[in-house]
Amino acid sequence: MPQDNNYSEEFKAFAKEMATYGRVLVYGPFNDEMQGLVIELIYIAYKSLTSQGKTWCTLQIDSSGGAVSTLDGIRVAMIESNLKFRGLVENRAHSCGFNLLQSCNWRVGTTGSTYMFHYGNMSFKLENRSLSRYKKDKLTYIDSLIKSQGEEIEELSKRSGVSIKKLLKLADRDIPITVGEALKLGFLDEFVSFYPKSEKPPEGYVF
């Protein structure tokens, strides 16, 4: 999936149809456009799945990351839906894409996929009151952002079993890791290979 947005009307229609089957496409940069679409897709999936007595939804992820505010908005929608989520990485789960994957109940990696945890892009808008406080006391304001990031790392450490020290090293490295590394570290629950085992067609199969 190309790492840009400006989703076409055809893509939006396709994504909404997929959502009725319980598959939510999370493609491209985390920004306002993605947030609006993905939240709508989660709602469509919720209506469709609950009407069938189903509770599991798949998030199909291919993203290099983006704004943390978008990630948080999507995660709130996930919590409010009361659905359970299977995160499936199509190609990459970097930055916010990685954190979204870790917010899923079951995490699945595929052949050749890559993963990257880092401190992220603290994208936010400063309103007048916040800007005023920042100008008066820059260190306190920055310290609050660092503490917020620390809380995120603590939660990730609990989920994955990876120590905070190891996570900090990965964040400083800022380099993608392979699906094999992600599985060993506890960032994934399952690996799905693109390569099936050889299987002979049944008798009478016409080529």
Protein backbone atom coordinates (compact mmCIF):
# COMPACT_ATOMS: atom_id res chain seq x y z
CA MET A 1 0.00 0.00 0.00
CA PRO A 2 1.51 3.41 -0.96
CA GLN A 3 2.42 5.45 2.09
CA ASP A 4 0.24 8.45 1.34
CA ASN A 5 -3.40 9.24 1.87
CA ASN A 6 -5.88 11.23 -0.26
CA TYR A 7 -7.99 8.09 -0.34
CA SER A 8 -9.93 7.80 -3.56
CA GLU A 9 -13.69 7.38 -3.47
CA GLU A 10 -13.20 3.89 -4.90
CA PHE A 11 -10.86 2.97 -2.06
CA LYS A 12 -13.23 4.36 0.58
CA ALA A 13 -16.11 2.37 -0.89
CA PHE A 14 -13.97 -0.79 -0.93
CA ALA A 15 -12.80 -0.18 2.67
CA LYS A 16 -16.38 0.29 3.88
CA GLU A 17 -17.45 -2.93 2.19
CA MET A 18 -14.54 -4.78 3.80
CA ALA A 19 -15.56 -3.36 7.18
CA THR A 20 -18.95 -5.05 6.89
CA TYR A 21 -17.03 -8.34 6.96
CA GLY A 22 -15.10 -7.24 10.05
CA ARG A 23 -11.88 -6.16 8.32
CA VAL A 24 -10.68 -2.59 8.91
CA LEU A 25 -7.94 -1.27 6.60
CA VAL A 26 -5.37 0.97 8.32
CA TYR A 27 -3.25 2.21 5.43
CA GLY A 28 -0.86 5.13 5.05
CA PRO A 29 0.13 7.99 7.38
CA PHE A 30 -1.63 8.54 10.69
CA ASN A 31 -3.31 11.90 10.11
CA ASP A 32 -6.75 13.50 10.31
CA GLU A 33 -7.93 11.82 7.09
CA MET A 34 -6.94 8.38 8.31
CA GLN A 35 -8.51 8.98 11.72
CA GLY A 36 -11.87 9.94 10.26
CA LEU A 37 -11.95 6.98 7.89
CA VAL A 38 -10.73 4.31 10.32
CA ILE A 39 -13.13 5.40 13.07
CA GLU A 40 -15.98 5.18 10.56
CA LEU A 41 -14.78 1.72 9.48
CA ILE A 42 -14.67 0.51 13.09
CA TYR A 43 -18.25 1.73 13.54
CA ILE A 44 -19.37 -0.09 10.36
CA ALA A 45 -17.60 -3.25 11.54
CA TYR A 46 -19.19 -2.94 14.98
CA LYS A 47 -22.72 -2.69 13.54
CA SER A 48 -22.19 -5.60 11.17
CA LEU A 49 -20.42 -7.94 13.59
CA THR A 50 -22.67 -7.38 16.60
CA SER A 51 -25.76 -7.98 14.45
CA GLN A 52 -24.28 -11.43 13.74
CA GLY A 53 -23.33 -12.09 17.35
CA LYS A 54 -19.62 -11.80 16.52
CA THR A 55 -17.01 -9.96 18.60
CA TRP A 56 -13.71 -10.16 16.68
CA CYS A 57 -12.52 -7.60 14.12
CA THR A 58 -9.31 -7.55 12.06
CA LEU A 59 -7.18 -4.42 11.72
CA GLN A 60 -5.11 -4.84 8.55
CA ILE A 61 -2.11 -2.55 9.10
CA ASP A 62 0.38 -1.09 6.63
CA SER A 63 1.78 2.20 7.89
CA SER A 64 5.03 4.02 8.55
CA GLY A 65 3.36 6.04 11.32
CA GLY A 66 2.41 9.67 11.78
CA ALA A 67 0.53 11.71 14.39
CA VAL A 68 0.11 10.27 17.89
CA SER A 69 -3.18 12.17 18.23
CA THR A 70 -4.60 10.07 15.37
CA LEU A 71 -3.40 6.87 17.04
CA ASP A 72 -5.11 7.87 20.28
CA GLY A 73 -8.37 8.66 18.49
CA ILE A 74 -8.41 5.25 16.82
CA ARG A 75 -7.61 3.47 20.08
CA VAL A 76 -10.49 5.22 21.84
CA ALA A 77 -12.83 4.04 19.06
CA MET A 78 -11.52 0.50 19.55
CA ILE A 79 -12.21 0.61 23.29
CA GLU A 80 -15.68 2.10 22.85
CA SER A 81 -16.67 -0.52 20.27
CA ASN A 82 -16.26 -3.35 22.83
CA LEU A 83 -14.90 -5.49 20.00
CA LYS A 84 -11.78 -7.62 20.19
CA PHE A 85 -9.12 -6.89 17.61
CA ARG A 86 -6.77 -9.10 15.60
CA GLY A 87 -3.96 -6.95 14.25
CA LEU A 88 -2.58 -8.23 10.94
CA VAL A 89 0.53 -6.55 9.53
CA GLU A 90 0.47 -6.49 5.76
CA ASN A 91 3.87 -4.91 5.14
CA ARG A 92 5.02 -2.57 7.91
CA ALA A 93 3.97 -1.48 11.36
CA HIS A 94 6.25 1.42 12.22
CA SER A 95 5.87 4.10 14.88
CA CYS A 96 2.10 4.67 15.40
CA GLY A 97 1.42 1.60 13.28
CA PHE A 98 3.49 -0.43 15.73
CA ASN A 99 1.71 1.02 18.76
CA LEU A 100 -1.67 0.33 17.17
CA LEU A 101 -0.64 -3.29 16.64
CA GLN A 102 0.28 -3.55 20.32
CA SER A 103 -3.22 -2.28 21.20
CA CYS A 104 -4.76 -5.35 19.53
CA ASN A 105 -5.80 -8.45 21.44
CA TRP A 106 -3.95 -10.74 19.00
CA ARG A 107 -0.99 -9.65 16.87
CA VAL A 108 -0.09 -11.35 13.60
CA GLY A 109 3.00 -10.82 11.43
CA THR A 110 3.54 -11.92 7.84
CA THR A 111 6.51 -12.85 5.67
CA GLY A 112 8.87 -9.92 5.07
CA SER A 113 6.96 -7.48 7.30
CA THR A 114 8.93 -5.00 9.43
CA TYR A 115 8.33 -3.31 12.76
CA MET A 116 9.68 -0.19 14.45
CA PHE A 117 9.17 1.19 17.91
CA HIS A 118 10.38 4.69 18.66
CA TYR A 119 9.36 7.72 20.65
CA GLY A 120 6.99 8.82 17.92
CA ASN A 121 5.74 12.06 16.52
CA MET A 122 4.13 14.09 19.30
CA SER A 123 1.88 15.95 16.88
CA PHE A 124 -0.46 18.37 18.59
CA LYS A 125 -1.80 21.90 18.27
CA LEU A 126 -1.05 24.44 20.96
CA GLU A 127 -4.10 26.45 21.89
CA ASN A 128 -3.80 29.85 23.52
CA ARG A 129 -3.79 28.62 27.14
CA SER A 130 -1.27 25.86 26.43
CA LEU A 131 0.94 28.21 24.46
CA SER A 132 0.86 30.72 27.31
CA ARG A 133 1.93 28.09 29.83
CA TYR A 134 4.66 26.83 27.50
CA LYS A 135 6.12 30.31 27.11
CA LYS A 136 6.15 30.82 30.88
CA ASP A 137 7.63 27.47 31.80
CA LYS A 138 9.10 25.50 28.90
CA LEU A 139 10.82 22.88 31.05
CA THR A 140 7.66 21.91 32.95
CA TYR A 141 5.68 21.62 29.71
CA ILE A 142 8.34 19.47 28.03
CA ASP A 143 8.67 17.36 31.18
CA SER A 144 4.94 16.57 31.07
CA LEU A 145 5.30 15.34 27.47
CA ILE A 146 8.26 13.13 28.45
CA LYS A 147 6.27 11.67 31.35
CA SER A 148 3.40 10.90 29.00
CA GLN A 149 5.77 9.06 26.67
CA GLY A 150 7.18 7.18 29.67
CA GLU A 151 3.71 5.93 30.60
CA GLU A 152 3.23 4.63 27.05
CA ILE A 153 6.53 2.73 27.29
CA GLU A 154 5.53 1.22 30.63
CA GLU A 155 2.27 -0.07 29.14
CA LEU A 156 4.11 -1.54 26.15
CA SER A 157 6.61 -3.23 28.48
CA LYS A 158 3.76 -4.89 30.39
CA ARG A 159 2.11 -6.07 27.18
CA SER A 160 5.20 -7.46 25.45
CA GLY A 161 7.30 -8.54 28.42
CA VAL A 162 10.21 -6.52 26.99
CA SER A 163 12.03 -4.51 29.64
CA ILE A 164 11.80 -0.73 29.62
CA LYS A 165 15.59 -0.61 29.21
CA LYS A 166 15.36 -2.74 26.04
CA LEU A 167 12.50 -0.63 24.67
CA LEU A 168 14.51 2.55 25.20
CA LYS A 169 17.40 1.01 23.27
CA LEU A 170 15.07 0.11 20.40
CA ALA A 171 13.66 3.64 20.38
CA ASP A 172 17.14 5.17 20.29
CA ARG A 173 18.13 2.83 17.45
CA ASP A 174 15.16 3.95 15.32
CA ILE A 175 15.68 1.10 12.83
CA PRO A 176 13.04 -1.41 11.72
CA ILE A 177 13.26 -4.99 12.97
CA THR A 178 12.23 -8.16 11.14
CA VAL A 179 9.15 -10.24 11.78
CA GLY A 180 11.38 -12.91 13.35
CA GLU A 181 12.86 -10.41 15.80
CA ALA A 182 9.42 -9.02 16.62
CA LEU A 183 8.14 -12.53 17.37
CA LYS A 184 11.11 -13.32 19.66
CA LEU A 185 10.72 -10.03 21.54
CA GLY A 186 7.03 -10.62 22.22
CA PHE A 187 5.66 -7.94 19.90
CA LEU A 188 3.73 -10.61 17.96
CA ASP A 189 1.58 -13.57 18.95
CA GLU A 190 1.64 -15.38 15.62
CA PHE A 191 3.50 -15.57 12.32
CA VAL A 192 1.70 -16.37 9.06
CA SER A 193 3.85 -17.39 6.10
CA PHE A 194 3.00 -16.41 2.55
CA TYR A 195 4.44 -19.77 1.45
CA PRO A 196 2.09 -22.76 1.88
CA LYS A 197 3.16 -26.36 2.30
CA SER A 198 3.00 -28.43 -0.88
CA GLU A 199 -0.41 -29.98 -1.31
CA LYS A 200 -1.51 -32.23 -4.16
CA PRO A 201 -4.83 -31.32 -5.85
CA PRO A 202 -7.63 -33.88 -5.40
CA GLU A 203 -8.19 -36.63 -7.93
CA GLY A 204 -10.14 -35.40 -10.93
CA TYR A 205 -8.95 -31.80 -10.58
CA VAL A 206 -8.74 -30.23 -14.04
CA PHE A 207 -5.73 -27.95 -14.65
